[in-house]
Amino acid sequence: MTTDAPSPRVGTRTAHGVETYTYDADGSRVSRVAGGITTLYFGGVFEQEKETGTTRSQYTFGGGVIAQRETKGGKGDARLPAW
């Protein structure tokens, strides 16, 4: 039997408070709630903070992240990893 429903939430306590994660049936992270901010994850390459609208796109090659773009308030910022 298979299911498309997310698995139960998993919580962890950190120095900054409690973080809660939700995973799909394949084990990929779907959401994270920390400090009152819900981050939604899409396909491992795009994420969006529900409350702030901040988005992050990750560009991968050869199994690793080669660049990340973050957009806050309509203004983007591209970053390359520190090698």
N, C-alpha and C. Protein backbone atom coordinates (compact mmCIF):
# COMPACT_ATOMS: atom_id res chain seq x y z
N MET A 1 0.83 -1.18 0.00
CA MET A 1 0.00 0.00 0.00
C MET A 1 0.88 1.24 0.00
N THR A 2 0.54 2.23 -0.80
CA THR A 2 1.28 3.49 -0.83
C THR A 2 0.33 4.62 -0.47
N THR A 3 0.90 5.72 -0.06
CA THR A 3 0.10 6.88 0.30
C THR A 3 0.80 8.15 -0.18
N ASP A 4 0.01 9.16 -0.54
CA ASP A 4 0.57 10.45 -0.93
C ASP A 4 0.52 11.44 0.21
N ALA A 5 -0.04 11.02 1.33
CA ALA A 5 -0.18 11.92 2.48
C ALA A 5 1.16 12.12 3.17
N PRO A 6 1.44 13.34 3.62
CA PRO A 6 2.68 13.56 4.37
C PRO A 6 2.71 12.72 5.64
N SER A 7 3.91 12.36 6.05
CA SER A 7 4.06 11.60 7.28
C SER A 7 3.80 12.51 8.47
N PRO A 8 3.64 11.94 9.65
CA PRO A 8 3.45 12.78 10.83
C PRO A 8 4.62 13.75 11.01
N ARG A 9 4.35 14.83 11.67
CA ARG A 9 5.39 15.82 11.92
C ARG A 9 6.44 15.27 12.88
N VAL A 10 7.66 15.72 12.67
CA VAL A 10 8.77 15.35 13.53
C VAL A 10 9.30 16.63 14.15
N GLY A 11 9.43 16.66 15.46
CA GLY A 11 9.89 17.87 16.13
C GLY A 11 11.24 17.67 16.78
N THR A 12 11.96 18.77 16.91
CA THR A 12 13.25 18.74 17.59
C THR A 12 13.43 20.05 18.34
N ARG A 13 14.11 20.00 19.46
CA ARG A 13 14.37 21.20 20.25
C ARG A 13 15.78 21.68 19.94
N THR A 14 15.92 22.98 19.66
CA THR A 14 17.23 23.57 19.39
C THR A 14 17.47 24.71 20.38
N ALA A 15 18.62 25.33 20.28
CA ALA A 15 18.93 26.46 21.15
C ALA A 15 17.98 27.64 20.88
N HIS A 16 17.35 27.65 19.69
CA HIS A 16 16.46 28.75 19.31
C HIS A 16 15.00 28.42 19.52
N GLY A 17 14.69 27.24 20.07
CA GLY A 17 13.31 26.84 20.30
C GLY A 17 13.02 25.51 19.63
N VAL A 18 11.73 25.25 19.42
CA VAL A 18 11.31 23.98 18.82
C VAL A 18 11.16 24.16 17.31
N GLU A 19 11.67 23.20 16.54
CA GLU A 19 11.49 23.16 15.09
C GLU A 19 10.68 21.92 14.76
N THR A 20 9.73 22.06 13.85
CA THR A 20 8.88 20.95 13.45
C THR A 20 9.03 20.74 11.94
N TYR A 21 9.20 19.49 11.53
CA TYR A 21 9.38 19.15 10.13
C TYR A 21 8.29 18.19 9.69
N THR A 22 7.90 18.28 8.41
CA THR A 22 6.97 17.34 7.81
C THR A 22 7.64 16.75 6.57
N TYR A 23 7.50 15.45 6.39
CA TYR A 23 8.11 14.74 5.26
C TYR A 23 7.02 14.04 4.45
N ASP A 24 7.26 13.89 3.14
CA ASP A 24 6.30 13.17 2.31
C ASP A 24 6.57 11.67 2.37
N ALA A 25 5.80 10.89 1.61
CA ALA A 25 5.90 9.44 1.65
C ALA A 25 7.26 8.93 1.17
N ASP A 26 7.99 9.75 0.38
CA ASP A 26 9.32 9.36 -0.12
C ASP A 26 10.44 9.78 0.82
N GLY A 27 10.10 10.47 1.91
CA GLY A 27 11.10 10.90 2.87
C GLY A 27 11.68 12.27 2.58
N SER A 28 11.14 12.99 1.59
CA SER A 28 11.62 14.34 1.28
C SER A 28 10.92 15.35 2.19
N ARG A 29 11.68 16.35 2.63
CA ARG A 29 11.11 17.37 3.50
C ARG A 29 10.09 18.20 2.74
N VAL A 30 8.93 18.41 3.36
CA VAL A 30 7.85 19.19 2.76
C VAL A 30 7.74 20.55 3.43
N SER A 31 7.93 20.60 4.76
CA SER A 31 7.83 21.88 5.46
C SER A 31 8.66 21.87 6.73
N ARG A 32 8.94 23.09 7.20
CA ARG A 32 9.66 23.31 8.46
C ARG A 32 9.00 24.50 9.14
N VAL A 33 8.72 24.38 10.43
CA VAL A 33 8.18 25.49 11.20
C VAL A 33 9.19 25.79 12.30
N ALA A 34 9.71 27.01 12.31
CA ALA A 34 10.69 27.43 13.32
C ALA A 34 10.53 28.93 13.56
N GLY A 35 10.44 29.31 14.81
CA GLY A 35 10.33 30.73 15.14
C GLY A 35 9.12 31.40 14.53
N GLY A 36 8.04 30.66 14.34
CA GLY A 36 6.82 31.24 13.78
C GLY A 36 6.84 31.36 12.27
N ILE A 37 7.89 30.90 11.61
CA ILE A 37 8.00 30.96 10.15
C ILE A 37 7.85 29.56 9.59
N THR A 38 6.93 29.39 8.64
CA THR A 38 6.74 28.12 7.95
C THR A 38 7.45 28.18 6.61
N THR A 39 8.40 27.27 6.39
CA THR A 39 9.10 27.17 5.12
C THR A 39 8.58 25.95 4.38
N LEU A 40 8.14 26.16 3.13
CA LEU A 40 7.64 25.07 2.29
C LEU A 40 8.72 24.69 1.30
N TYR A 41 8.95 23.40 1.10
CA TYR A 41 10.00 22.89 0.22
C TYR A 41 9.37 22.21 -0.99
N PHE A 42 9.91 22.49 -2.18
CA PHE A 42 9.40 21.94 -3.42
C PHE A 42 10.53 21.28 -4.19
N GLY A 43 10.51 19.97 -4.27
CA GLY A 43 11.45 19.23 -5.09
C GLY A 43 12.91 19.35 -4.70
N GLY A 44 13.21 19.84 -3.52
CA GLY A 44 14.58 19.95 -3.07
C GLY A 44 15.38 21.08 -3.70
N VAL A 45 14.74 21.85 -4.60
CA VAL A 45 15.48 22.93 -5.26
C VAL A 45 14.81 24.29 -5.11
N PHE A 46 13.63 24.34 -4.47
CA PHE A 46 12.92 25.60 -4.29
C PHE A 46 12.25 25.58 -2.93
N GLU A 47 12.32 26.71 -2.23
CA GLU A 47 11.64 26.83 -0.94
C GLU A 47 11.06 28.22 -0.80
N GLN A 48 9.97 28.31 -0.03
CA GLN A 48 9.32 29.60 0.19
C GLN A 48 8.87 29.70 1.63
N GLU A 49 9.17 30.87 2.25
CA GLU A 49 8.68 31.16 3.59
C GLU A 49 7.27 31.71 3.46
N LYS A 50 6.33 30.99 4.00
CA LYS A 50 4.92 31.31 3.85
C LYS A 50 4.58 32.71 4.36
N GLU A 51 5.06 33.07 5.53
CA GLU A 51 4.68 34.34 6.15
C GLU A 51 5.40 35.54 5.52
N THR A 52 6.65 35.40 5.13
CA THR A 52 7.43 36.54 4.62
C THR A 52 7.45 36.62 3.10
N GLY A 53 7.16 35.50 2.41
CA GLY A 53 7.23 35.48 0.95
C GLY A 53 8.63 35.29 0.41
N THR A 54 9.63 35.21 1.30
CA THR A 54 11.01 34.99 0.86
C THR A 54 11.10 33.66 0.13
N THR A 55 11.77 33.66 -1.03
CA THR A 55 11.95 32.42 -1.78
C THR A 55 13.44 32.15 -1.98
N ARG A 56 13.78 30.87 -2.09
CA ARG A 56 15.16 30.45 -2.37
C ARG A 56 15.13 29.38 -3.44
N SER A 57 15.92 29.57 -4.48
CA SER A 57 16.08 28.57 -5.53
C SER A 57 17.51 28.08 -5.49
N GLN A 58 17.68 26.78 -5.54
CA GLN A 58 19.02 26.20 -5.55
C GLN A 58 19.26 25.57 -6.91
N TYR A 59 20.42 25.83 -7.46
CA TYR A 59 20.80 25.29 -8.76
C TYR A 59 21.87 24.24 -8.53
N THR A 60 21.61 23.04 -9.02
CA THR A 60 22.51 21.92 -8.77
C THR A 60 23.17 21.44 -10.04
N PHE A 61 24.32 20.82 -9.87
CA PHE A 61 25.05 20.18 -10.96
C PHE A 61 25.94 19.10 -10.36
N GLY A 62 25.92 17.94 -10.94
CA GLY A 62 26.78 16.86 -10.45
C GLY A 62 26.49 16.45 -9.02
N GLY A 63 25.24 16.61 -8.59
CA GLY A 63 24.86 16.19 -7.25
C GLY A 63 25.13 17.22 -6.17
N GLY A 64 25.60 18.40 -6.52
CA GLY A 64 25.86 19.43 -5.53
C GLY A 64 25.25 20.76 -5.91
N VAL A 65 25.05 21.63 -4.95
CA VAL A 65 24.52 22.96 -5.19
C VAL A 65 25.64 23.84 -5.74
N ILE A 66 25.40 24.47 -6.89
CA ILE A 66 26.42 25.35 -7.48
C ILE A 66 26.07 26.83 -7.32
N ALA A 67 24.79 27.13 -7.03
CA ALA A 67 24.38 28.51 -6.80
C ALA A 67 23.04 28.51 -6.09
N GLN A 68 22.75 29.64 -5.41
CA GLN A 68 21.46 29.81 -4.74
C GLN A 68 20.99 31.22 -4.96
N ARG A 69 19.71 31.39 -5.26
CA ARG A 69 19.12 32.71 -5.43
C ARG A 69 18.06 32.91 -4.36
N GLU A 70 18.14 34.02 -3.64
CA GLU A 70 17.17 34.34 -2.60
C GLU A 70 16.47 35.64 -2.98
N THR A 71 15.15 35.65 -2.86
CA THR A 71 14.37 36.84 -3.19
C THR A 71 13.58 37.25 -1.95
N LYS A 72 13.79 38.50 -1.52
CA LYS A 72 13.06 39.07 -0.39
C LYS A 72 12.41 40.36 -0.86
N GLY A 73 11.12 40.47 -0.70
CA GLY A 73 10.42 41.70 -1.07
C GLY A 73 10.59 42.06 -2.54
N GLY A 74 10.70 41.06 -3.40
CA GLY A 74 10.82 41.30 -4.84
C GLY A 74 12.23 41.58 -5.31
N LYS A 75 13.22 41.63 -4.39
CA LYS A 75 14.60 41.89 -4.78
C LYS A 75 15.41 40.61 -4.62
N GLY A 76 16.11 40.23 -5.67
CA GLY A 76 16.86 38.98 -5.67
C GLY A 76 18.33 39.17 -5.33
N ASP A 77 18.92 38.10 -4.84
CA ASP A 77 20.33 38.07 -4.49
C ASP A 77 20.88 36.69 -4.85
N ALA A 78 21.79 36.64 -5.80
CA ALA A 78 22.37 35.36 -6.21
C ALA A 78 23.66 35.14 -5.44
N ARG A 79 23.86 33.89 -5.00
CA ARG A 79 25.08 33.55 -4.25
C ARG A 79 25.70 32.30 -4.83
N LEU A 80 27.02 32.29 -4.84
CA LEU A 80 27.76 31.10 -5.22
C LEU A 80 28.32 30.48 -3.95
N PRO A 81 28.41 29.16 -3.91
CA PRO A 81 28.97 28.53 -2.71
C PRO A 81 30.45 28.88 -2.53
N ALA A 82 30.91 28.87 -1.30
CA ALA A 82 32.33 29.14 -1.01
C ALA A 82 33.10 27.84 -1.19
N TRP A 83 33.93 27.78 -2.19
CA TRP A 83 34.72 26.56 -2.44
C TRP A 83 36.08 26.68 -1.87
